[in-house]
């Protein structure tokens, strides 16, 4: 598996973990799509936490030299996507995460990193 950006992915996941995100996974998708090499998926407990996770991630990632190119979904706070080029970070409200079940679509058992908080 190509591991481009794996250290940066781990840093992003640690930021989410430190802010108490739930069920954090990083899925290497570089061989399945051209949009990014990694998808990071995490959940917040409610809309305010989803937004807080997004805010904290943007601030701390910038301090580490990772710039967010694009952000979608912040106003609604139910599914926020942050585009870091090498990785798309998906921060879900629990209901949306269950409904879309992105892990089912992208993981194959060998391309997943799980993070505990």
C-alpha atoms as a PDB file:
ATOM      1  CA  UNK A   1       0.000   0.000   0.000  1.00  0.00           C
ATOM      2  CA  UNK A   2       1.274   3.466  -0.897  1.00  0.00           C
ATOM      3  CA  UNK A   3       1.676   5.350   2.370  1.00  0.00           C
ATOM      4  CA  UNK A   4       2.061   8.895   1.024  1.00  0.00           C
ATOM      5  CA  UNK A   5       1.034  11.292   3.748  1.00  0.00           C
ATOM      6  CA  UNK A   6       0.683   8.644   6.464  1.00  0.00           C
ATOM      7  CA  UNK A   7       2.512  10.729   9.077  1.00  0.00           C
ATOM      8  CA  UNK A   8       0.334  13.758   8.313  1.00  0.00           C
ATOM      9  CA  UNK A   9      -2.761  11.540   8.480  1.00  0.00           C
ATOM     10  CA  UNK A  10      -1.710  10.328  11.919  1.00  0.00           C
ATOM     11  CA  UNK A  11      -1.207  13.936  13.031  1.00  0.00           C
ATOM     12  CA  UNK A  12      -4.701  14.901  11.839  1.00  0.00           C
ATOM     13  CA  UNK A  13      -6.201  11.887  13.605  1.00  0.00           C
ATOM     14  CA  UNK A  14      -4.359  12.752  16.830  1.00  0.00           C
ATOM     15  CA  UNK A  15      -5.805  16.278  16.716  1.00  0.00           C
ATOM     16  CA  UNK A  16      -9.307  14.816  16.368  1.00  0.00           C
ATOM     17  CA  UNK A  17      -8.631  12.309  19.144  1.00  0.00           C
ATOM     18  CA  UNK A  18      -7.361  15.009  21.510  1.00  0.00           C
ATOM     19  CA  UNK A  19     -10.658  16.876  20.973  1.00  0.00           C
ATOM     20  CA  UNK A  20     -12.631  13.677  21.816  1.00  0.00           C
ATOM     21  CA  UNK A  21     -13.841  12.746  18.328  1.00  0.00           C
ATOM     22  CA  UNK A  22     -15.483   9.317  18.148  1.00  0.00           C
ATOM     23  CA  UNK A  23     -14.625   6.292  15.985  1.00  0.00           C
ATOM     24  CA  UNK A  24     -11.682   7.826  14.119  1.00  0.00           C
ATOM     25  CA  UNK A  25     -10.484   5.851  11.100  1.00  0.00           C
ATOM     26  CA  UNK A  26      -8.132   6.660   8.251  1.00  0.00           C
ATOM     27  CA  UNK A  27      -8.665   4.744   5.015  1.00  0.00           C
ATOM     28  CA  UNK A  28      -6.060   4.671   2.277  1.00  0.00           C
ATOM     29  CA  UNK A  29      -8.018   5.209  -0.963  1.00  0.00           C
ATOM     30  CA  UNK A  30      -5.216   6.291  -3.309  1.00  0.00           C
ATOM     31  CA  UNK A  31      -5.613   3.183  -5.447  1.00  0.00           C
ATOM     32  CA  UNK A  32      -9.414   3.606  -5.661  1.00  0.00           C
ATOM     33  CA  UNK A  33      -9.925   7.321  -6.444  1.00  0.00           C
ATOM     34  CA  UNK A  34      -8.045  10.362  -7.664  1.00  0.00           C
ATOM     35  CA  UNK A  35      -9.630  12.830  -5.223  1.00  0.00           C
ATOM     36  CA  UNK A  36      -7.253  12.017  -2.331  1.00  0.00           C
ATOM     37  CA  UNK A  37      -4.880   9.376  -1.023  1.00  0.00           C
ATOM     38  CA  UNK A  38      -6.647   9.149   2.334  1.00  0.00           C
ATOM     39  CA  UNK A  39     -10.112   9.573   3.817  1.00  0.00           C
ATOM     40  CA  UNK A  40     -10.208  10.352   7.519  1.00  0.00           C
ATOM     41  CA  UNK A  41     -13.603   9.700   9.092  1.00  0.00           C
ATOM     42  CA  UNK A  42     -14.639  10.764  12.588  1.00  0.00           C
ATOM     43  CA  UNK A  43     -17.797  11.649  14.493  1.00  0.00           C
ATOM     44  CA  UNK A  44     -18.885  14.255  16.990  1.00  0.00           C
ATOM     45  CA  UNK A  45     -21.731  13.687  19.429  1.00  0.00           C
ATOM     46  CA  UNK A  46     -23.790  16.709  18.315  1.00  0.00           C
ATOM     47  CA  UNK A  47     -23.665  19.603  15.838  1.00  0.00           C
ATOM     48  CA  UNK A  48     -21.704  21.909  18.200  1.00  0.00           C
ATOM     49  CA  UNK A  49     -19.028  19.243  18.711  1.00  0.00           C
ATOM     50  CA  UNK A  50     -18.825  18.505  14.969  1.00  0.00           C
ATOM     51  CA  UNK A  51     -18.132  22.215  14.372  1.00  0.00           C
ATOM     52  CA  UNK A  52     -15.680  22.383  17.282  1.00  0.00           C
ATOM     53  CA  UNK A  53     -13.763  19.399  15.888  1.00  0.00           C
ATOM     54  CA  UNK A  54     -13.577  21.164  12.533  1.00  0.00           C
ATOM     55  CA  UNK A  55     -12.391  24.455  14.067  1.00  0.00           C
ATOM     56  CA  UNK A  56      -9.729  22.782  16.191  1.00  0.00           C
ATOM     57  CA  UNK A  57      -8.495  20.646  13.313  1.00  0.00           C
ATOM     58  CA  UNK A  58      -8.178  23.643  10.991  1.00  0.00           C
ATOM     59  CA  UNK A  59      -6.262  25.684  13.575  1.00  0.00           C
ATOM     60  CA  UNK A  60      -3.852  22.960  14.651  1.00  0.00           C
ATOM     61  CA  UNK A  61      -3.289  21.595  11.134  1.00  0.00           C
ATOM     62  CA  UNK A  62      -2.360  25.113   9.993  1.00  0.00           C
ATOM     63  CA  UNK A  63       0.192  25.282  12.824  1.00  0.00           C
ATOM     64  CA  UNK A  64       1.682  22.045  11.427  1.00  0.00           C
ATOM     65  CA  UNK A  65       1.886  23.539   7.924  1.00  0.00           C
ATOM     66  CA  UNK A  66      -1.160  21.755   6.491  1.00  0.00           C
ATOM     67  CA  UNK A  67      -3.512  24.140   4.751  1.00  0.00           C
ATOM     68  CA  UNK A  68      -7.161  23.326   4.143  1.00  0.00           C
ATOM     69  CA  UNK A  69      -7.928  23.926   0.472  1.00  0.00           C
ATOM     70  CA  UNK A  70     -11.703  23.701   0.775  1.00  0.00           C
ATOM     71  CA  UNK A  71     -14.354  23.174   3.434  1.00  0.00           C
ATOM     72  CA  UNK A  72     -17.984  22.115   2.941  1.00  0.00           C
ATOM     73  CA  UNK A  73     -20.910  21.544   5.303  1.00  0.00           C
ATOM     74  CA  UNK A  74     -19.881  23.750   8.219  1.00  0.00           C
ATOM     75  CA  UNK A  75     -23.109  25.783   8.339  1.00  0.00           C
ATOM     76  CA  UNK A  76     -25.247  22.654   8.784  1.00  0.00           C
ATOM     77  CA  UNK A  77     -22.707  20.891  11.021  1.00  0.00           C
ATOM     78  CA  UNK A  78     -23.989  17.426  10.136  1.00  0.00           C
ATOM     79  CA  UNK A  79     -21.224  16.351   7.706  1.00  0.00           C
ATOM     80  CA  UNK A  80     -18.207  18.607   7.327  1.00  0.00           C
ATOM     81  CA  UNK A  81     -15.562  17.805   4.724  1.00  0.00           C
ATOM     82  CA  UNK A  82     -12.108  19.381   4.875  1.00  0.00           C
ATOM     83  CA  UNK A  83      -9.838  18.991   1.832  1.00  0.00           C
ATOM     84  CA  UNK A  84      -6.121  18.864   2.617  1.00  0.00           C
ATOM     85  CA  UNK A  85      -5.145  17.634  -0.854  1.00  0.00           C
ATOM     86  CA  UNK A  86      -3.607  14.338   0.252  1.00  0.00           C
ATOM     87  CA  UNK A  87      -6.561  13.672   2.595  1.00  0.00           C
ATOM     88  CA  UNK A  88     -10.259  14.431   2.847  1.00  0.00           C
ATOM     89  CA  UNK A  89     -11.394  14.689   6.455  1.00  0.00           C
ATOM     90  CA  UNK A  90     -15.063  13.785   7.010  1.00  0.00           C
ATOM     91  CA  UNK A  91     -16.486  14.852  10.378  1.00  0.00           C
ATOM     92  CA  UNK A  92     -19.962  13.428  10.840  1.00  0.00           C
ATOM     93  CA  UNK A  93     -22.930  13.800  13.126  1.00  0.00           C
ATOM     94  CA  UNK A  94     -23.645  10.177  14.223  1.00  0.00           C
ATOM     95  CA  UNK A  95     -26.889   9.842  12.221  1.00  0.00           C
ATOM     96  CA  UNK A  96     -25.250  10.907   8.947  1.00  0.00           C
ATOM     97  CA  UNK A  97     -22.270   8.670   9.537  1.00  0.00           C
ATOM     98  CA  UNK A  98     -24.487   5.660  10.064  1.00  0.00           C
ATOM     99  CA  UNK A  99     -26.613   6.500   7.021  1.00  0.00           C
ATOM    100  CA  UNK A 100     -23.741   7.042   4.556  1.00  0.00           C
ATOM    101  CA  UNK A 101     -21.491   4.324   6.029  1.00  0.00           C
ATOM    102  CA  UNK A 102     -18.402   5.435   4.091  1.00  0.00           C
ATOM    103  CA  UNK A 103     -16.239   2.764   5.666  1.00  0.00           C
ATOM    104  CA  UNK A 104     -18.293   0.077   3.932  1.00  0.00           C
ATOM    105  CA  UNK A 105     -17.685   1.744   0.590  1.00  0.00           C
ATOM    106  CA  UNK A 106     -13.921   2.255   0.879  1.00  0.00           C
ATOM    107  CA  UNK A 107     -12.218  -0.135   3.274  1.00  0.00           C
ATOM    108  CA  UNK A 108     -11.018  -3.564   2.244  1.00  0.00           C
ATOM    109  CA  UNK A 109      -9.574  -4.802   5.537  1.00  0.00           C
ATOM    110  CA  UNK A 110      -5.972  -3.892   4.677  1.00  0.00           C
ATOM    111  CA  UNK A 111      -6.209  -0.150   4.031  1.00  0.00           C
ATOM    112  CA  UNK A 112      -7.511   1.104   7.410  1.00  0.00           C
ATOM    113  CA  UNK A 113      -5.841   2.744  10.399  1.00  0.00           C
ATOM    114  CA  UNK A 114      -7.973   2.900  13.573  1.00  0.00           C
ATOM    115  CA  UNK A 115      -7.372   5.496  16.299  1.00  0.00           C
ATOM    116  CA  UNK A 116      -8.427   5.284  19.924  1.00  0.00           C
ATOM    117  CA  UNK A 117      -9.180   8.291  22.093  1.00  0.00           C
END
